[in-house]
N, C-alpha and C. Protein backbone atom coordinates (compact mmCIF):
# COMPACT_ATOMS: atom_id res chain seq x y z
N MET A 1 95.47 99.07 105.60
CA MET A 1 97.01 98.93 104.81
C MET A 1 96.90 98.21 103.60
N LYS A 2 97.16 98.78 102.12
CA LYS A 2 97.19 98.43 101.39
C LYS A 2 97.72 96.63 101.07
N ARG A 3 97.37 95.52 100.08
CA ARG A 3 98.48 94.58 100.29
C ARG A 3 99.64 94.71 99.23
N PHE A 4 99.33 95.75 98.42
CA PHE A 4 99.91 95.97 97.29
C PHE A 4 99.90 97.54 96.64
N GLU A 5 101.59 97.80 96.76
CA GLU A 5 101.64 99.58 96.32
C GLU A 5 100.83 99.53 94.68
N LYS A 6 101.30 98.75 94.22
CA LYS A 6 101.20 98.76 92.56
C LYS A 6 100.72 97.47 92.10
N HIS A 7 100.01 97.38 91.16
CA HIS A 7 99.43 96.14 90.26
C HIS A 7 99.36 96.02 89.00
N ILE A 8 99.96 95.50 88.38
CA ILE A 8 100.25 95.66 86.82
C ILE A 8 99.80 94.41 85.90
N PHE A 9 98.55 94.68 85.38
CA PHE A 9 98.27 93.81 84.87
C PHE A 9 98.18 94.06 83.04
N ILE A 10 98.65 92.69 82.81
CA ILE A 10 98.97 92.55 81.39
C ILE A 10 98.16 91.64 80.98
N CYS A 11 97.53 91.97 79.55
CA CYS A 11 96.39 91.50 78.90
C CYS A 11 96.78 90.22 78.31
N GLU A 12 96.51 88.57 78.41
CA GLU A 12 96.51 87.69 77.80
C GLU A 12 95.39 87.20 76.69
N ASN A 13 94.63 87.78 76.84
CA ASN A 13 93.27 87.55 75.78
C ASN A 13 93.40 86.91 74.98
N LYS A 14 93.02 85.73 74.18
CA LYS A 14 93.30 84.87 72.89
C LYS A 14 91.80 85.32 71.84
N ARG A 15 91.87 86.24 70.88
CA ARG A 15 91.11 86.14 69.98
C ARG A 15 91.14 85.26 68.97
N PRO A 16 89.88 84.99 68.20
CA PRO A 16 90.31 83.82 67.19
C PRO A 16 91.31 84.41 66.16
N ASP A 17 91.78 83.38 65.48
CA ASP A 17 93.06 83.75 64.27
C ASP A 17 92.13 84.90 63.14
N GLY A 18 92.70 85.63 62.36
CA GLY A 18 92.34 86.28 61.76
C GLY A 18 90.98 87.82 62.17
N HIS A 19 91.16 87.60 63.68
CA HIS A 19 90.19 89.05 64.45
C HIS A 19 90.94 90.55 63.69
N PRO A 20 90.13 91.37 63.16
CA PRO A 20 91.11 92.69 63.25
C PRO A 20 91.45 93.43 63.75
N ARG A 21 90.79 93.37 65.11
CA ARG A 21 91.52 94.14 66.31
C ARG A 21 92.82 92.86 66.90
N GLY A 22 93.06 91.69 66.05
CA GLY A 22 93.85 90.88 66.69
C GLY A 22 94.05 90.91 68.29
N CYS A 23 95.07 90.31 69.14
CA CYS A 23 94.79 89.81 70.16
C CYS A 23 96.26 90.27 70.99
N CYS A 24 96.19 90.40 72.42
CA CYS A 24 97.89 90.80 73.18
C CYS A 24 98.24 89.24 73.27
N LEU A 25 97.77 87.69 73.50
CA LEU A 25 98.24 86.76 73.20
C LEU A 25 99.09 86.40 71.86
N ASP A 26 99.08 86.83 71.07
CA ASP A 26 99.28 86.37 69.41
C ASP A 26 100.29 87.86 69.27
N LYS A 27 100.58 88.58 70.46
CA LYS A 27 101.34 90.22 70.03
C LYS A 27 102.89 89.79 70.93
N GLY A 28 102.55 88.71 72.22
CA GLY A 28 103.73 88.24 72.87
C GLY A 28 103.50 88.84 74.21
N SER A 29 102.45 88.71 74.71
CA SER A 29 102.04 89.17 75.92
C SER A 29 102.45 88.28 77.36
N ALA A 30 102.44 86.73 76.67
CA ALA A 30 102.72 85.56 77.94
C ALA A 30 103.99 86.14 78.19
N ALA A 31 104.99 86.23 77.16
CA ALA A 31 106.43 86.90 77.39
C ALA A 31 106.49 88.43 78.49
N VAL A 32 105.69 89.03 78.18
CA VAL A 32 105.83 90.04 78.52
C VAL A 32 105.57 89.66 80.20
N ARG A 33 104.45 89.51 80.44
CA ARG A 33 103.83 88.55 81.67
C ARG A 33 105.28 88.49 82.68
N SER A 34 105.87 87.15 82.07
CA SER A 34 106.83 86.75 82.62
C SER A 34 107.92 87.38 82.99
N MET A 35 108.37 88.17 81.92
CA MET A 35 109.76 89.18 82.32
C MET A 35 109.08 90.31 83.70
N PHE A 36 107.74 90.55 84.00
CA PHE A 36 107.33 91.46 84.60
C PHE A 36 107.74 90.68 85.94
N LYS A 37 107.29 89.28 86.02
CA LYS A 37 107.56 88.47 87.58
C LYS A 37 108.71 88.48 87.41
N LYS A 38 109.41 87.83 86.12
CA LYS A 38 111.00 87.59 86.74
C LYS A 38 111.63 89.04 87.47
N ARG A 39 111.52 89.94 86.93
CA ARG A 39 112.30 91.16 87.36
C ARG A 39 111.63 91.89 88.31
N LEU A 40 110.38 91.73 88.86
CA LEU A 40 109.78 91.74 90.06
C LEU A 40 110.33 91.03 91.36
N LYS A 41 110.50 89.94 91.05
CA LYS A 41 110.97 89.02 92.31
C LYS A 41 112.38 89.08 92.18
N GLU A 42 113.80 89.18 90.88
CA GLU A 42 114.90 89.07 91.04
C GLU A 42 114.97 90.52 92.11
N LEU A 43 114.39 91.71 91.86
CA LEU A 43 114.33 93.13 92.31
C LEU A 43 113.98 93.36 93.74
N GLY A 44 113.30 92.05 94.62
CA GLY A 44 112.82 92.11 95.80
C GLY A 44 111.25 92.80 95.64
N LEU A 45 110.99 93.15 94.28
CA LEU A 45 109.50 94.11 94.74
C LEU A 45 108.39 93.43 94.94
N ASN A 46 108.55 92.07 94.35
CA ASN A 46 107.10 91.30 94.82
C ASN A 46 106.18 91.07 95.80
N SER A 47 106.85 91.79 96.74
CA SER A 47 105.35 91.68 98.07
C SER A 47 104.82 92.94 97.62
N ASP A 48 105.71 94.01 96.90
CA ASP A 48 104.44 94.91 96.80
C ASP A 48 104.12 95.90 95.79
N VAL A 49 104.68 94.44 94.70
CA VAL A 49 104.13 95.14 93.41
C VAL A 49 103.55 93.48 92.49
N ARG A 50 102.13 93.90 91.96
CA ARG A 50 102.20 92.64 91.63
C ARG A 50 101.90 92.69 90.39
N ALA A 51 102.05 91.08 89.36
CA ALA A 51 101.90 91.44 88.09
C ALA A 51 101.01 89.85 87.73
N ASN A 52 99.91 90.30 87.00
CA ASN A 52 98.77 89.56 86.78
C ASN A 52 98.69 89.01 85.46
N SER A 53 98.17 88.45 84.64
CA SER A 53 97.65 88.17 83.32
C SER A 53 96.18 88.81 83.61
N ALA A 54 95.86 88.93 82.62
CA ALA A 54 94.16 90.03 82.45
C ALA A 54 93.34 89.41 81.45
N GLY A 55 92.55 89.07 80.90
CA GLY A 55 91.55 89.07 80.30
C GLY A 55 91.74 89.95 79.68
N CYS A 56 90.45 90.09 78.62
CA CYS A 56 90.44 90.99 77.48
C CYS A 56 90.44 92.41 78.42
N LEU A 57 91.37 93.50 77.92
CA LEU A 57 91.16 94.82 78.35
C LEU A 57 90.23 95.85 77.58
N ASP A 58 89.93 95.03 76.12
CA ASP A 58 89.27 95.97 75.27
C ASP A 58 90.38 97.35 74.58
N ALA A 59 91.42 96.59 74.23
CA ALA A 59 92.81 97.76 74.09
C ALA A 59 93.30 96.62 73.07
N CYS A 60 92.37 95.51 72.27
CA CYS A 60 93.39 94.81 71.77
C CYS A 60 94.05 95.56 70.37
N GLU A 61 94.04 96.48 69.48
CA GLU A 61 94.58 97.19 68.72
C GLU A 61 95.97 97.88 68.93
N TYR A 62 96.24 97.97 70.66
CA TYR A 62 96.92 98.66 71.07
C TYR A 62 98.01 97.51 71.64
N GLY A 63 97.39 95.99 71.73
CA GLY A 63 98.43 95.24 72.27
C GLY A 63 99.68 95.32 72.03
N VAL A 64 100.42 94.28 72.49
CA VAL A 64 100.47 93.82 74.19
C VAL A 64 100.29 95.55 75.08
N THR A 65 98.84 94.97 75.56
CA THR A 65 98.42 95.76 76.77
C THR A 65 98.76 95.90 78.00
N VAL A 66 99.04 96.81 78.74
CA VAL A 66 99.63 96.40 80.08
C VAL A 66 98.74 97.63 80.82
N LEU A 67 98.31 97.73 81.80
CA LEU A 67 97.36 98.75 82.88
C LEU A 67 97.88 98.85 84.43
N VAL A 68 98.41 99.83 84.45
CA VAL A 68 99.18 99.96 86.05
C VAL A 68 98.25 100.67 86.93
N TYR A 69 97.90 99.95 87.93
CA TYR A 69 97.16 100.62 88.77
C TYR A 69 97.96 100.79 90.59
N PRO A 70 97.80 102.19 91.11
CA PRO A 70 96.71 102.14 91.02
C PRO A 70 96.59 103.70 90.64
N GLU A 71 98.19 104.00 89.20
CA GLU A 71 97.46 105.40 88.42
C GLU A 71 96.70 105.24 87.12
N GLN A 72 96.45 104.18 86.86
CA GLN A 72 95.24 104.05 85.69
C GLN A 72 96.14 104.24 84.67
N ILE A 73 97.31 103.53 84.01
CA ILE A 73 98.19 104.08 83.09
C ILE A 73 98.07 102.87 82.23
N TRP A 74 97.81 103.10 80.89
CA TRP A 74 97.47 102.30 80.05
C TRP A 74 98.75 102.18 79.16
N TYR A 75 99.69 101.33 78.83
CA TYR A 75 100.33 101.10 78.41
C TYR A 75 100.36 100.37 76.92
N GLY A 76 100.25 100.50 75.94
CA GLY A 76 100.29 99.97 74.38
C GLY A 76 101.50 99.59 73.71
N GLY A 77 101.42 98.35 72.94
CA GLY A 77 102.72 97.98 72.11
C GLY A 77 104.03 97.29 73.01
N VAL A 78 103.63 97.14 74.27
CA VAL A 78 104.60 96.78 75.35
C VAL A 78 105.16 95.33 74.80
N LYS A 79 106.95 95.48 74.72
CA LYS A 79 107.22 94.09 74.11
C LYS A 79 108.46 93.88 75.65
N THR A 80 109.09 93.02 75.71
CA THR A 80 109.89 92.82 76.82
C THR A 80 111.06 93.62 77.24
N ASP A 81 111.23 94.45 75.83
CA ASP A 81 112.83 95.16 75.85
C ASP A 81 112.14 96.23 76.66
N ASP A 82 110.67 96.76 76.71
CA ASP A 82 110.12 97.53 77.69
C ASP A 82 109.97 97.73 78.95
N VAL A 83 109.64 96.30 79.24
CA VAL A 83 109.46 95.99 80.56
C VAL A 83 110.69 96.67 81.83
N GLU A 84 111.74 96.40 81.32
CA GLU A 84 112.51 96.99 82.51
C GLU A 84 112.65 98.63 82.90
N GLU A 85 112.47 99.04 81.63
CA GLU A 85 111.92 100.55 81.80
C GLU A 85 110.82 100.87 82.23
N ILE A 86 109.33 100.18 82.10
CA ILE A 86 108.47 100.33 83.08
C ILE A 86 109.05 99.97 84.64
N ILE A 87 109.80 98.85 85.00
CA ILE A 87 109.99 99.13 86.24
C ILE A 87 110.68 100.20 86.93
N GLN A 88 111.66 100.17 86.24
CA GLN A 88 112.42 101.26 86.74
C GLN A 88 112.04 102.64 87.07
N SER A 89 111.30 102.83 86.20
CA SER A 89 110.68 104.34 85.72
C SER A 89 109.18 104.77 86.55
N HIS A 90 108.28 103.99 86.07
CA HIS A 90 106.97 103.84 86.63
C HIS A 90 106.87 103.19 87.92
N ILE A 91 107.08 102.09 88.17
CA ILE A 91 107.26 101.38 89.08
C ILE A 91 108.00 101.93 90.45
N VAL A 92 109.34 101.82 90.13
CA VAL A 92 110.44 102.35 91.33
C VAL A 92 110.65 103.65 91.39
N ASN A 93 110.19 104.80 90.38
CA ASN A 93 110.77 105.86 90.62
C ASN A 93 109.16 106.50 90.54
N ASN A 94 108.10 106.20 90.07
CA ASN A 94 106.63 106.92 89.84
C ASN A 94 106.84 108.01 88.60
N LYS A 95 107.94 107.73 87.70
CA LYS A 95 107.60 108.45 86.58
C LYS A 95 106.93 107.69 85.15
N PRO A 96 106.12 107.81 85.08
CA PRO A 96 105.32 106.50 83.73
C PRO A 96 105.75 106.91 82.65
N VAL A 97 106.46 105.71 81.95
CA VAL A 97 106.65 105.55 80.46
C VAL A 97 106.04 106.52 79.30
N GLU A 98 105.89 107.87 79.34
CA GLU A 98 104.96 108.66 78.61
C GLU A 98 105.34 107.95 76.79
N ARG A 99 106.66 106.96 76.42
CA ARG A 99 106.46 106.80 74.72
C ARG A 99 105.74 105.77 74.82
N LEU A 100 105.10 104.76 75.83
CA LEU A 100 104.36 103.97 75.52
C LEU A 100 103.07 103.97 76.26
N PHE A 101 102.77 105.05 76.47
CA PHE A 101 101.34 105.59 76.94
C PHE A 101 100.40 105.14 75.48
N ILE A 102 98.91 104.48 75.66
CA ILE A 102 98.09 104.57 74.67
C ILE A 102 97.46 105.91 74.40
N LYS A 103 97.66 106.57 73.14
CA LYS A 103 97.43 108.08 73.27
C LYS A 103 95.86 107.85 72.38
N ASP A 104 95.43 106.98 72.28
CA ASP A 104 93.75 107.27 72.22
C ASP A 104 93.10 107.71 73.57
N LYS A 105 92.44 108.90 73.07
CA LYS A 105 91.79 109.14 74.43
C LYS A 105 90.75 108.61 75.65
N ARG A 106 90.57 108.01 74.95
CA ARG A 106 89.58 106.56 75.90
C ARG A 106 90.45 105.64 76.84
N PHE A 107 92.06 106.40 76.69
CA PHE A 107 92.55 105.65 77.79
C PHE A 107 93.78 106.65 78.26
N ASN A 108 94.18 106.42 79.61
CA ASN A 108 95.12 107.67 79.90
C ASN A 108 94.26 109.26 80.09
N LYS A 109 93.17 109.20 80.26
CA LYS A 109 92.15 110.68 79.92
C LYS A 109 92.93 111.66 80.59
N ASP A 110 93.16 111.86 81.66
CA ASP A 110 93.99 112.90 82.26
C ASP A 110 95.39 113.21 81.06
N GLU A 111 95.76 112.52 80.74
CA GLU A 111 96.76 112.64 80.38
C GLU A 111 96.37 113.34 78.86
N PHE A 112 95.61 112.67 78.10
CA PHE A 112 95.05 113.40 76.59
C PHE A 112 93.77 113.80 76.72
N GLU A 113 93.61 115.00 76.89
CA GLU A 113 92.33 115.58 77.07
C GLU A 113 92.10 116.25 75.71
N ALA A 114 90.41 115.89 75.15
CA ALA A 114 90.42 116.14 74.05
C ALA A 114 89.59 117.82 73.83
């Protein structure tokens, strides 16, 4: 039996100032992670869904990057205002939020065949 039904990884990597790809931490990932944890707990989902900080997910230019398993859905540019939509649509109703998908074919490969 699985411990968690879904696992949400939020990149909190910090690159040096001025790095051309930027970093998720400077784009607000700590606040996004905090919001996921808060809302999952408030909704009573924290025993089935885990939100974790992650090191570099190698999608810095798309940050704040959020990755949801087991579906392997990659979200980019996530803001705290997007957290509730991801939770309600993807986590609760199993309908990923397509508007936030990273549209690079290296990510979400099943959605964006080239």
